[in-house]
Amino acid sequence: MRWPSFFILAYVVLAVQIGLSGHVTWGGASPNLVLPVAVFVAINARREEALLAVFLLGGLQDLFTQQPLGLYAFCYSLVGLFVVGTQPAVRRDHPLTHLFLSLAAALFTGCVSLFNDWAYPRLHGLARYAHPSILQSLMRAVYTALAAPVLLAGLVRIKRVFGFRGFRNVAHGELQSLAIRQ
């Protein structure tokens, strides 16, 4: 994987996420545009590179949100482990793959975020408890999943820029790249 290309992508997607926050909402929920990029990298990169990249994406998103530091880094790392495990069994460029993996990742991230919003005030003895909205978290997950194929359609077209390794798709037996030499 070409790391300069990855960092440019991370910078751009975080800037778009910050720029659109509050402007693109649906029922009070806004999409998480960084999560589909993490899924895209985890599907296409080598295992070690993918796990490091999704951890960095989560850490960078933690720096620019009001969540506790490490929450998104933790969630994206676990999502990365799951998605890297599905590499041999999925079609990496198919929009339904992006939709369902992004939905599963968004639901998992939403559950962890909801638990944090519920537990943090109680563990720290804060006087007022926050009441996390399950419906809003579910809507955010659906909104993120619906935005994922649109966002990732452009990334699939420029996949060569990131220098992902070539490998065989075991489930379909087709050669993904000519970079493999026997």
N, C-alpha and C. Protein backbone atom coordinates (compact mmCIF):
# COMPACT_ATOMS: atom_id res chain seq x y z
N MET A 1 0.85 -1.18 0.00
CA MET A 1 0.00 0.00 0.00
C MET A 1 0.89 1.23 0.00
N ARG A 2 0.48 2.20 -0.76
CA ARG A 2 1.22 3.47 -0.82
C ARG A 2 0.69 4.40 0.27
N TRP A 3 1.50 4.64 1.28
CA TRP A 3 1.07 5.40 2.43
C TRP A 3 0.80 6.87 2.14
N PRO A 4 1.57 7.54 1.27
CA PRO A 4 1.22 8.95 0.98
C PRO A 4 -0.18 9.08 0.38
N SER A 5 -0.55 8.16 -0.51
CA SER A 5 -1.90 8.19 -1.08
C SER A 5 -2.95 7.95 -0.01
N PHE A 6 -2.66 7.04 0.91
CA PHE A 6 -3.59 6.77 2.00
C PHE A 6 -3.78 8.01 2.88
N PHE A 7 -2.70 8.68 3.22
CA PHE A 7 -2.81 9.86 4.09
C PHE A 7 -3.54 11.01 3.40
N ILE A 8 -3.37 11.14 2.11
CA ILE A 8 -4.13 12.15 1.37
C ILE A 8 -5.62 11.80 1.40
N LEU A 9 -5.94 10.53 1.18
CA LEU A 9 -7.34 10.09 1.26
C LEU A 9 -7.91 10.33 2.66
N ALA A 10 -7.14 9.99 3.69
CA ALA A 10 -7.61 10.20 5.07
C ALA A 10 -7.85 11.68 5.33
N TYR A 11 -6.95 12.53 4.87
CA TYR A 11 -7.10 13.97 5.06
C TYR A 11 -8.36 14.49 4.36
N VAL A 12 -8.56 14.06 3.14
CA VAL A 12 -9.72 14.53 2.36
C VAL A 12 -11.03 14.04 2.98
N VAL A 13 -11.10 12.76 3.34
CA VAL A 13 -12.36 12.24 3.87
C VAL A 13 -12.66 12.83 5.24
N LEU A 14 -11.65 13.08 6.06
CA LEU A 14 -11.90 13.74 7.34
C LEU A 14 -12.33 15.18 7.15
N ALA A 15 -11.75 15.86 6.17
CA ALA A 15 -12.15 17.24 5.89
C ALA A 15 -13.59 17.30 5.40
N VAL A 16 -13.98 16.36 4.54
CA VAL A 16 -15.36 16.32 4.05
C VAL A 16 -16.30 15.97 5.20
N GLN A 17 -15.90 15.03 6.06
CA GLN A 17 -16.73 14.66 7.21
C GLN A 17 -16.96 15.87 8.11
N ILE A 18 -15.92 16.62 8.39
CA ILE A 18 -16.05 17.80 9.26
C ILE A 18 -16.84 18.90 8.55
N GLY A 19 -16.57 19.08 7.27
CA GLY A 19 -17.26 20.13 6.52
C GLY A 19 -18.74 19.89 6.36
N LEU A 20 -19.13 18.64 6.20
CA LEU A 20 -20.54 18.32 5.99
C LEU A 20 -21.31 18.07 7.28
N SER A 21 -20.62 17.97 8.41
CA SER A 21 -21.32 17.69 9.66
C SER A 21 -22.30 18.82 9.97
N GLY A 22 -23.50 18.45 10.22
CA GLY A 22 -24.55 19.42 10.50
C GLY A 22 -25.31 19.86 9.26
N HIS A 23 -24.72 19.70 8.10
CA HIS A 23 -25.39 20.13 6.86
C HIS A 23 -26.11 18.98 6.16
N VAL A 24 -25.59 17.79 6.28
CA VAL A 24 -26.17 16.63 5.64
C VAL A 24 -26.72 15.73 6.75
N THR A 25 -27.94 15.99 7.15
CA THR A 25 -28.55 15.19 8.21
C THR A 25 -29.86 14.61 7.71
N TRP A 26 -30.22 13.50 8.30
CA TRP A 26 -31.46 12.83 7.96
C TRP A 26 -32.06 12.34 9.28
N GLY A 27 -33.11 12.97 9.72
CA GLY A 27 -33.72 12.62 10.99
C GLY A 27 -32.82 12.89 12.18
N GLY A 28 -31.97 13.88 12.07
CA GLY A 28 -31.05 14.21 13.15
C GLY A 28 -29.78 13.39 13.14
N ALA A 29 -29.61 12.52 12.16
CA ALA A 29 -28.41 11.68 12.07
C ALA A 29 -27.62 12.06 10.83
N SER A 30 -26.31 12.11 10.98
CA SER A 30 -25.45 12.40 9.84
C SER A 30 -24.60 11.17 9.55
N PRO A 31 -24.20 10.98 8.29
CA PRO A 31 -23.43 9.78 7.96
C PRO A 31 -21.99 9.88 8.45
N ASN A 32 -21.42 8.74 8.70
CA ASN A 32 -20.01 8.66 9.04
C ASN A 32 -19.28 8.29 7.76
N LEU A 33 -18.61 9.24 7.14
CA LEU A 33 -17.96 8.99 5.86
C LEU A 33 -16.60 8.34 5.99
N VAL A 34 -16.03 8.34 7.18
CA VAL A 34 -14.72 7.74 7.40
C VAL A 34 -14.83 6.22 7.48
N LEU A 35 -15.92 5.74 8.03
CA LEU A 35 -16.09 4.30 8.21
C LEU A 35 -16.10 3.52 6.88
N PRO A 36 -16.82 3.95 5.84
CA PRO A 36 -16.73 3.21 4.57
C PRO A 36 -15.33 3.22 3.97
N VAL A 37 -14.57 4.27 4.19
CA VAL A 37 -13.19 4.30 3.71
C VAL A 37 -12.36 3.27 4.47
N ALA A 38 -12.60 3.14 5.77
CA ALA A 38 -11.91 2.12 6.55
C ALA A 38 -12.26 0.72 6.05
N VAL A 39 -13.52 0.51 5.71
CA VAL A 39 -13.94 -0.79 5.16
C VAL A 39 -13.27 -1.03 3.81
N PHE A 40 -13.20 0.00 2.98
CA PHE A 40 -12.56 -0.12 1.67
C PHE A 40 -11.09 -0.51 1.81
N VAL A 41 -10.39 0.14 2.71
CA VAL A 41 -8.97 -0.17 2.90
C VAL A 41 -8.82 -1.58 3.47
N ALA A 42 -9.68 -1.96 4.40
CA ALA A 42 -9.58 -3.29 5.00
C ALA A 42 -9.89 -4.40 4.01
N ILE A 43 -10.74 -4.13 3.04
CA ILE A 43 -11.06 -5.14 2.02
C ILE A 43 -9.89 -5.34 1.07
N ASN A 44 -9.19 -4.26 0.74
CA ASN A 44 -8.22 -4.31 -0.35
C ASN A 44 -6.76 -4.42 0.06
N ALA A 45 -6.38 -3.97 1.22
CA ALA A 45 -4.97 -3.95 1.60
C ALA A 45 -4.56 -5.27 2.25
N ARG A 46 -3.25 -5.46 2.38
CA ARG A 46 -2.75 -6.61 3.12
C ARG A 46 -3.17 -6.50 4.57
N ARG A 47 -3.17 -7.61 5.26
CA ARG A 47 -3.70 -7.68 6.62
C ARG A 47 -3.04 -6.65 7.55
N GLU A 48 -1.73 -6.66 7.64
CA GLU A 48 -1.03 -5.77 8.56
C GLU A 48 -1.22 -4.31 8.18
N GLU A 49 -1.12 -4.03 6.90
CA GLU A 49 -1.30 -2.65 6.43
C GLU A 49 -2.73 -2.19 6.67
N ALA A 50 -3.68 -3.06 6.44
CA ALA A 50 -5.10 -2.71 6.63
C ALA A 50 -5.39 -2.40 8.09
N LEU A 51 -4.89 -3.23 8.99
CA LEU A 51 -5.15 -3.02 10.41
C LEU A 51 -4.52 -1.73 10.91
N LEU A 52 -3.30 -1.44 10.46
CA LEU A 52 -2.66 -0.19 10.85
C LEU A 52 -3.40 1.01 10.27
N ALA A 53 -3.83 0.90 9.02
CA ALA A 53 -4.52 2.01 8.36
C ALA A 53 -5.87 2.31 9.02
N VAL A 54 -6.65 1.28 9.34
CA VAL A 54 -7.95 1.55 9.97
C VAL A 54 -7.78 2.08 11.38
N PHE A 55 -6.73 1.63 12.09
CA PHE A 55 -6.44 2.18 13.41
C PHE A 55 -6.10 3.66 13.31
N LEU A 56 -5.29 4.02 12.31
CA LEU A 56 -4.94 5.43 12.11
C LEU A 56 -6.15 6.26 11.72
N LEU A 57 -7.01 5.72 10.86
CA LEU A 57 -8.24 6.44 10.51
C LEU A 57 -9.10 6.69 11.74
N GLY A 58 -9.25 5.67 12.58
CA GLY A 58 -10.03 5.83 13.80
C GLY A 58 -9.40 6.83 14.75
N GLY A 59 -8.08 6.77 14.89
CA GLY A 59 -7.39 7.73 15.75
C GLY A 59 -7.52 9.16 15.26
N LEU A 60 -7.42 9.34 13.95
CA LEU A 60 -7.60 10.68 13.39
C LEU A 60 -9.03 11.17 13.58
N GLN A 61 -10.00 10.29 13.42
CA GLN A 61 -11.38 10.70 13.64
C GLN A 61 -11.61 11.02 15.12
N ASP A 62 -10.97 10.31 16.02
CA ASP A 62 -11.08 10.61 17.44
C ASP A 62 -10.57 12.03 17.75
N LEU A 63 -9.54 12.44 17.05
CA LEU A 63 -8.99 13.77 17.30
C LEU A 63 -9.95 14.89 16.89
N PHE A 64 -10.84 14.60 15.96
CA PHE A 64 -11.72 15.65 15.43
C PHE A 64 -13.18 15.51 15.86
N THR A 65 -13.46 14.63 16.81
CA THR A 65 -14.83 14.49 17.31
C THR A 65 -14.84 14.71 18.81
N GLN A 66 -16.02 14.70 19.38
CA GLN A 66 -16.16 14.90 20.81
C GLN A 66 -16.22 13.58 21.57
N GLN A 67 -15.95 12.49 20.89
CA GLN A 67 -15.91 11.19 21.56
C GLN A 67 -14.59 11.07 22.32
N PRO A 68 -14.54 10.22 23.34
CA PRO A 68 -13.28 10.01 24.06
C PRO A 68 -12.20 9.49 23.11
N LEU A 69 -10.98 9.90 23.36
CA LEU A 69 -9.87 9.51 22.51
C LEU A 69 -9.69 8.00 22.54
N GLY A 70 -9.70 7.39 21.40
CA GLY A 70 -9.51 5.95 21.27
C GLY A 70 -10.77 5.17 20.97
N LEU A 71 -11.94 5.80 21.06
CA LEU A 71 -13.18 5.07 20.83
C LEU A 71 -13.29 4.61 19.38
N TYR A 72 -13.11 5.53 18.44
CA TYR A 72 -13.18 5.14 17.02
C TYR A 72 -11.99 4.29 16.62
N ALA A 73 -10.82 4.55 17.19
CA ALA A 73 -9.65 3.73 16.87
C ALA A 73 -9.90 2.28 17.29
N PHE A 74 -10.49 2.09 18.46
CA PHE A 74 -10.82 0.75 18.94
C PHE A 74 -11.87 0.09 18.03
N CYS A 75 -12.94 0.83 17.74
CA CYS A 75 -14.01 0.27 16.90
C CYS A 75 -13.51 -0.07 15.51
N TYR A 76 -12.77 0.84 14.89
CA TYR A 76 -12.29 0.60 13.53
C TYR A 76 -11.29 -0.55 13.49
N SER A 77 -10.51 -0.71 14.56
CA SER A 77 -9.58 -1.84 14.60
C SER A 77 -10.33 -3.17 14.63
N LEU A 78 -11.39 -3.25 15.43
CA LEU A 78 -12.19 -4.48 15.46
C LEU A 78 -12.92 -4.70 14.15
N VAL A 79 -13.42 -3.63 13.56
CA VAL A 79 -14.07 -3.73 12.25
C VAL A 79 -13.06 -4.21 11.21
N GLY A 80 -11.85 -3.66 11.28
CA GLY A 80 -10.79 -4.08 10.36
C GLY A 80 -10.46 -5.55 10.48
N LEU A 81 -10.41 -6.06 11.71
CA LEU A 81 -10.16 -7.49 11.91
C LEU A 81 -11.24 -8.34 11.25
N PHE A 82 -12.49 -7.91 11.41
CA PHE A 82 -13.60 -8.65 10.80
C PHE A 82 -13.53 -8.59 9.28
N VAL A 83 -13.32 -7.40 8.73
CA VAL A 83 -13.34 -7.24 7.28
C VAL A 83 -12.14 -7.93 6.63
N VAL A 84 -10.98 -7.85 7.25
CA VAL A 84 -9.80 -8.54 6.70
C VAL A 84 -10.06 -10.04 6.63
N GLY A 85 -10.79 -10.56 7.60
CA GLY A 85 -11.11 -11.98 7.58
C GLY A 85 -12.06 -12.38 6.47
N THR A 86 -12.82 -11.41 5.95
CA THR A 86 -13.76 -11.72 4.88
C THR A 86 -13.15 -11.54 3.48
N GLN A 87 -11.91 -11.10 3.39
CA GLN A 87 -11.29 -10.82 2.08
C GLN A 87 -11.41 -11.96 1.08
N PRO A 88 -11.09 -13.20 1.46
CA PRO A 88 -11.15 -14.26 0.45
C PRO A 88 -12.56 -14.62 0.00
N ALA A 89 -13.57 -14.24 0.77
CA ALA A 89 -14.92 -14.71 0.49
C ALA A 89 -15.82 -13.68 -0.17
N VAL A 90 -15.37 -12.45 -0.34
CA VAL A 90 -16.24 -11.41 -0.89
C VAL A 90 -15.68 -10.86 -2.19
N ARG A 91 -16.57 -10.27 -2.96
CA ARG A 91 -16.16 -9.56 -4.18
C ARG A 91 -15.86 -8.12 -3.77
N ARG A 92 -14.61 -7.76 -3.83
CA ARG A 92 -14.14 -6.49 -3.27
C ARG A 92 -14.70 -5.25 -3.95
N ASP A 93 -15.06 -5.34 -5.20
CA ASP A 93 -15.51 -4.16 -5.93
C ASP A 93 -17.02 -4.08 -6.08
N HIS A 94 -17.74 -5.00 -5.51
CA HIS A 94 -19.19 -5.03 -5.68
C HIS A 94 -19.87 -4.07 -4.70
N PRO A 95 -20.83 -3.27 -5.18
CA PRO A 95 -21.50 -2.30 -4.30
C PRO A 95 -22.25 -2.94 -3.13
N LEU A 96 -22.81 -4.13 -3.33
CA LEU A 96 -23.52 -4.79 -2.22
C LEU A 96 -22.55 -5.21 -1.12
N THR A 97 -21.34 -5.57 -1.49
CA THR A 97 -20.32 -5.88 -0.49
C THR A 97 -20.05 -4.65 0.36
N HIS A 98 -19.88 -3.52 -0.30
CA HIS A 98 -19.64 -2.27 0.43
C HIS A 98 -20.83 -1.90 1.31
N LEU A 99 -22.02 -2.09 0.78
CA LEU A 99 -23.23 -1.75 1.53
C LEU A 99 -23.33 -2.59 2.81
N PHE A 100 -23.24 -3.91 2.68
CA PHE A 100 -23.46 -4.78 3.84
C PHE A 100 -22.31 -4.73 4.84
N LEU A 101 -21.07 -4.66 4.36
CA LEU A 101 -19.96 -4.55 5.30
C LEU A 101 -19.98 -3.20 6.01
N SER A 102 -20.34 -2.14 5.30
CA SER A 102 -20.44 -0.83 5.95
C SER A 102 -21.60 -0.79 6.94
N LEU A 103 -22.70 -1.46 6.62
CA LEU A 103 -23.82 -1.52 7.56
C LEU A 103 -23.43 -2.27 8.83
N ALA A 104 -22.78 -3.40 8.67
CA ALA A 104 -22.35 -4.17 9.85
C ALA A 104 -21.35 -3.36 10.68
N ALA A 105 -20.42 -2.69 10.00
CA ALA A 105 -19.43 -1.88 10.71
C ALA A 105 -20.08 -0.70 11.42
N ALA A 106 -21.04 -0.06 10.77
CA ALA A 106 -21.72 1.08 11.37
C ALA A 106 -22.59 0.66 12.55
N LEU A 107 -23.23 -0.49 12.46
CA LEU A 107 -24.03 -0.99 13.58
C LEU A 107 -23.14 -1.33 14.77
N PHE A 108 -22.00 -1.95 14.51
CA PHE A 108 -21.07 -2.26 15.60
C PHE A 108 -20.53 -0.98 16.24
N THR A 109 -20.10 -0.05 15.42
CA THR A 109 -19.58 1.22 15.94
C THR A 109 -20.66 1.97 16.71
N GLY A 110 -21.89 1.93 16.21
CA GLY A 110 -22.99 2.58 16.91
C GLY A 110 -23.27 1.95 18.26
N CYS A 111 -23.19 0.62 18.33
CA CYS A 111 -23.41 -0.06 19.62
C CYS A 111 -22.34 0.30 20.63
N VAL A 112 -21.10 0.33 20.20
CA VAL A 112 -20.02 0.69 21.12
C VAL A 112 -20.15 2.15 21.55
N SER A 113 -20.51 3.02 20.63
CA SER A 113 -20.69 4.43 20.96
C SER A 113 -21.88 4.63 21.92
N LEU A 114 -22.97 3.91 21.68
CA LEU A 114 -24.11 3.98 22.59
C LEU A 114 -23.75 3.49 23.99
N PHE A 115 -23.02 2.40 24.07
CA PHE A 115 -22.60 1.90 25.37
C PHE A 115 -21.72 2.93 26.08
N ASN A 116 -20.81 3.55 25.34
CA ASN A 116 -19.95 4.57 25.93
C ASN A 116 -20.76 5.76 26.42
N ASP A 117 -21.74 6.20 25.61
CA ASP A 117 -22.58 7.33 26.02
C ASP A 117 -23.42 7.00 27.25
N TRP A 118 -23.78 5.74 27.42
CA TRP A 118 -24.55 5.33 28.58
C TRP A 118 -23.66 5.15 29.81
N ALA A 119 -22.50 4.51 29.65
CA ALA A 119 -21.68 4.13 30.78
C ALA A 119 -20.79 5.25 31.30
N TYR A 120 -20.32 6.12 30.43
CA TYR A 120 -19.35 7.14 30.85
C TYR A 120 -19.86 8.02 31.98
N PRO A 121 -21.07 8.60 31.91
CA PRO A 121 -21.51 9.45 33.02
C PRO A 121 -21.71 8.67 34.33
N ARG A 122 -22.11 7.43 34.22
CA ARG A 122 -22.33 6.63 35.42
C ARG A 122 -21.02 6.24 36.09
N LEU A 123 -20.02 5.93 35.30
CA LEU A 123 -18.72 5.53 35.86
C LEU A 123 -17.97 6.71 36.46
N HIS A 124 -18.21 7.90 35.93
CA HIS A 124 -17.48 9.08 36.40
C HIS A 124 -18.30 9.93 37.36
N GLY A 125 -19.47 9.45 37.74
CA GLY A 125 -20.27 10.13 38.74
C GLY A 125 -20.77 11.50 38.33
N LEU A 126 -21.07 11.67 37.08
CA LEU A 126 -21.60 12.95 36.62
C LEU A 126 -23.05 13.08 37.06
N ALA A 127 -23.45 14.29 37.40
CA ALA A 127 -24.79 14.51 37.95
C ALA A 127 -25.88 14.22 36.92
N ARG A 128 -25.69 14.69 35.71
CA ARG A 128 -26.71 14.47 34.68
C ARG A 128 -26.28 13.35 33.77
N TYR A 129 -27.19 12.42 33.59
CA TYR A 129 -26.91 11.31 32.70
C TYR A 129 -27.36 11.66 31.29
N ALA A 130 -26.55 11.28 30.34
CA ALA A 130 -26.95 11.45 28.94
C ALA A 130 -27.90 10.31 28.58
N HIS A 131 -28.84 10.62 27.75
CA HIS A 131 -29.78 9.61 27.27
C HIS A 131 -29.49 9.35 25.80
N PRO A 132 -28.65 8.34 25.52
CA PRO A 132 -28.31 8.06 24.12
C PRO A 132 -29.54 7.58 23.35
N SER A 133 -29.61 8.00 22.11
CA SER A 133 -30.74 7.67 21.25
C SER A 133 -30.41 6.46 20.38
N ILE A 134 -31.11 5.38 20.63
CA ILE A 134 -30.90 4.16 19.86
C ILE A 134 -31.40 4.35 18.43
N LEU A 135 -32.53 5.02 18.29
CA LEU A 135 -33.08 5.26 16.96
C LEU A 135 -32.15 6.13 16.12
N GLN A 136 -31.60 7.16 16.71
CA GLN A 136 -30.69 8.03 15.97
C GLN A 136 -29.42 7.28 15.58
N SER A 137 -28.93 6.42 16.45
CA SER A 137 -27.75 5.62 16.13
C SER A 137 -28.05 4.63 15.00
N LEU A 138 -29.23 4.04 15.02
CA LEU A 138 -29.64 3.13 13.95
C LEU A 138 -29.79 3.87 12.63
N MET A 139 -30.37 5.06 12.67
CA MET A 139 -30.51 5.86 11.45
C MET A 139 -29.15 6.27 10.91
N ARG A 140 -28.21 6.58 11.79
CA ARG A 140 -26.86 6.93 11.35
C ARG A 140 -26.20 5.75 10.66
N ALA A 141 -26.40 4.54 11.20
CA ALA A 141 -25.82 3.35 10.59
C ALA A 141 -26.40 3.10 9.20
N VAL A 142 -27.70 3.25 9.06
CA VAL A 142 -28.35 3.05 7.76
C VAL A 142 -27.90 4.12 6.77
N TYR A 143 -27.81 5.35 7.24
CA TYR A 143 -27.37 6.46 6.39
C TYR A 143 -25.93 6.25 5.92
N THR A 144 -25.08 5.78 6.82
CA THR A 144 -23.69 5.49 6.46
C THR A 144 -23.62 4.37 5.44
N ALA A 145 -24.42 3.33 5.64
CA ALA A 145 -24.41 2.19 4.72
C ALA A 145 -24.93 2.58 3.35
N LEU A 146 -25.94 3.44 3.29
CA LEU A 146 -26.46 3.87 1.99
C LEU A 146 -25.49 4.80 1.27
N ALA A 147 -24.71 5.55 2.01
CA ALA A 147 -23.72 6.44 1.39
C ALA A 147 -22.47 5.69 0.95
N ALA A 148 -22.22 4.52 1.53
CA ALA A 148 -20.99 3.78 1.26
C ALA A 148 -20.80 3.41 -0.21
N PRO A 149 -21.78 2.79 -0.90
CA PRO A 149 -21.54 2.43 -2.30
C PRO A 149 -21.27 3.64 -3.19
N VAL A 150 -21.91 4.76 -2.89
CA VAL A 150 -21.68 5.97 -3.69
C VAL A 150 -20.27 6.49 -3.46
N LEU A 151 -19.86 6.54 -2.21
CA LEU A 151 -18.52 7.02 -1.88
C LEU A 151 -17.44 6.09 -2.41
N LEU A 152 -17.66 4.80 -2.27
CA LEU A 152 -16.64 3.84 -2.65
C LEU A 152 -16.60 3.55 -4.15
N ALA A 153 -17.63 3.95 -4.89
CA ALA A 153 -17.60 3.77 -6.34
C ALA A 153 -16.45 4.56 -6.95
N GLY A 154 -16.22 5.75 -6.43
CA GLY A 154 -15.09 6.55 -6.90
C GLY A 154 -13.76 5.97 -6.47
N LEU A 155 -13.70 5.43 -5.26
CA LEU A 155 -12.44 4.85 -4.78
C LEU A 155 -12.08 3.58 -5.53
N VAL A 156 -13.07 2.80 -5.94
CA VAL A 156 -12.79 1.59 -6.70
C VAL A 156 -12.14 1.94 -8.04
N ARG A 157 -12.56 3.04 -8.62
CA ARG A 157 -12.00 3.45 -9.93
C ARG A 157 -10.55 3.88 -9.82
N ILE A 158 -10.16 4.41 -8.66
CA ILE A 158 -8.77 4.87 -8.51
C ILE A 158 -7.99 3.96 -7.56
N LYS A 159 -8.38 2.71 -7.47
CA LYS A 159 -7.77 1.77 -6.55
C LYS A 159 -6.28 1.59 -6.81
N ARG A 160 -5.85 1.72 -8.04
CA ARG A 160 -4.44 1.55 -8.38
C ARG A 160 -3.55 2.59 -7.72
N VAL A 161 -4.11 3.74 -7.42
CA VAL A 161 -3.33 4.82 -6.79
C VAL A 161 -2.82 4.38 -5.41
N PHE A 162 -3.55 3.51 -4.74
CA PHE A 162 -3.19 3.09 -3.40
C PHE A 162 -2.20 1.93 -3.39
N GLY A 163 -1.97 1.32 -4.52
CA GLY A 163 -0.98 0.25 -4.62
C GLY A 163 -1.32 -0.98 -3.81
N PHE A 164 -2.58 -1.36 -3.79
CA PHE A 164 -2.95 -2.58 -3.08
C PHE A 164 -2.33 -3.76 -3.78
N ARG A 165 -1.99 -4.77 -3.00
CA ARG A 165 -1.35 -5.96 -3.55
C ARG A 165 -2.32 -6.72 -4.43
N GLY A 166 -1.77 -7.48 -5.35
CA GLY A 166 -2.60 -8.35 -6.17
C GLY A 166 -2.77 -9.69 -5.48
N PHE A 167 -3.92 -10.30 -5.62
CA PHE A 167 -4.19 -11.58 -4.99
C PHE A 167 -5.31 -12.26 -5.73
N ARG A 168 -5.43 -13.53 -5.47
CA ARG A 168 -6.50 -14.31 -6.09
C ARG A 168 -7.74 -14.22 -5.23
N ASN A 169 -8.87 -14.10 -5.89
CA ASN A 169 -10.14 -14.15 -5.19
C ASN A 169 -10.52 -15.62 -5.12
N VAL A 170 -10.35 -16.23 -3.96
CA VAL A 170 -10.52 -17.66 -3.81
C VAL A 170 -11.95 -18.09 -4.12
N ALA A 171 -12.91 -17.28 -3.76
CA ALA A 171 -14.31 -17.67 -3.95
C ALA A 171 -14.68 -17.74 -5.42
N HIS A 172 -14.05 -16.92 -6.24
CA HIS A 172 -14.44 -16.86 -7.65
C HIS A 172 -13.32 -17.30 -8.59
N GLY A 173 -12.12 -17.54 -8.05
CA GLY A 173 -11.03 -18.07 -8.84
C GLY A 173 -10.53 -17.14 -9.92
N GLU A 174 -10.74 -15.85 -9.77
CA GLU A 174 -10.28 -14.94 -10.80
C GLU A 174 -9.08 -14.16 -10.31
N LEU A 175 -8.23 -13.79 -11.21
CA LEU A 175 -7.03 -13.03 -10.89
C LEU A 175 -7.41 -11.56 -10.74
N GLN A 176 -7.12 -10.99 -9.57
CA GLN A 176 -7.48 -9.61 -9.31
C GLN A 176 -6.46 -8.63 -9.89
N SER A 177 -5.23 -9.06 -10.03
CA SER A 177 -4.22 -8.13 -10.51
C SER A 177 -3.14 -8.93 -11.25
N LEU A 178 -2.46 -8.28 -12.14
CA LEU A 178 -1.38 -8.94 -12.87
C LEU A 178 -0.07 -8.85 -12.10
N ALA A 179 -0.11 -8.34 -10.89
CA ALA A 179 1.10 -8.19 -10.08
C ALA A 179 1.59 -9.50 -9.48
N ILE A 180 0.77 -10.54 -9.54
CA ILE A 180 1.18 -11.83 -8.98
C ILE A 180 2.07 -12.53 -10.00
N ARG A 181 3.21 -12.94 -9.51
CA ARG A 181 4.12 -13.69 -10.38
C ARG A 181 4.41 -15.02 -9.73
N GLN A 182 4.27 -16.06 -10.48
CA GLN A 182 4.50 -17.41 -9.95
C GLN A 182 5.96 -17.73 -9.95
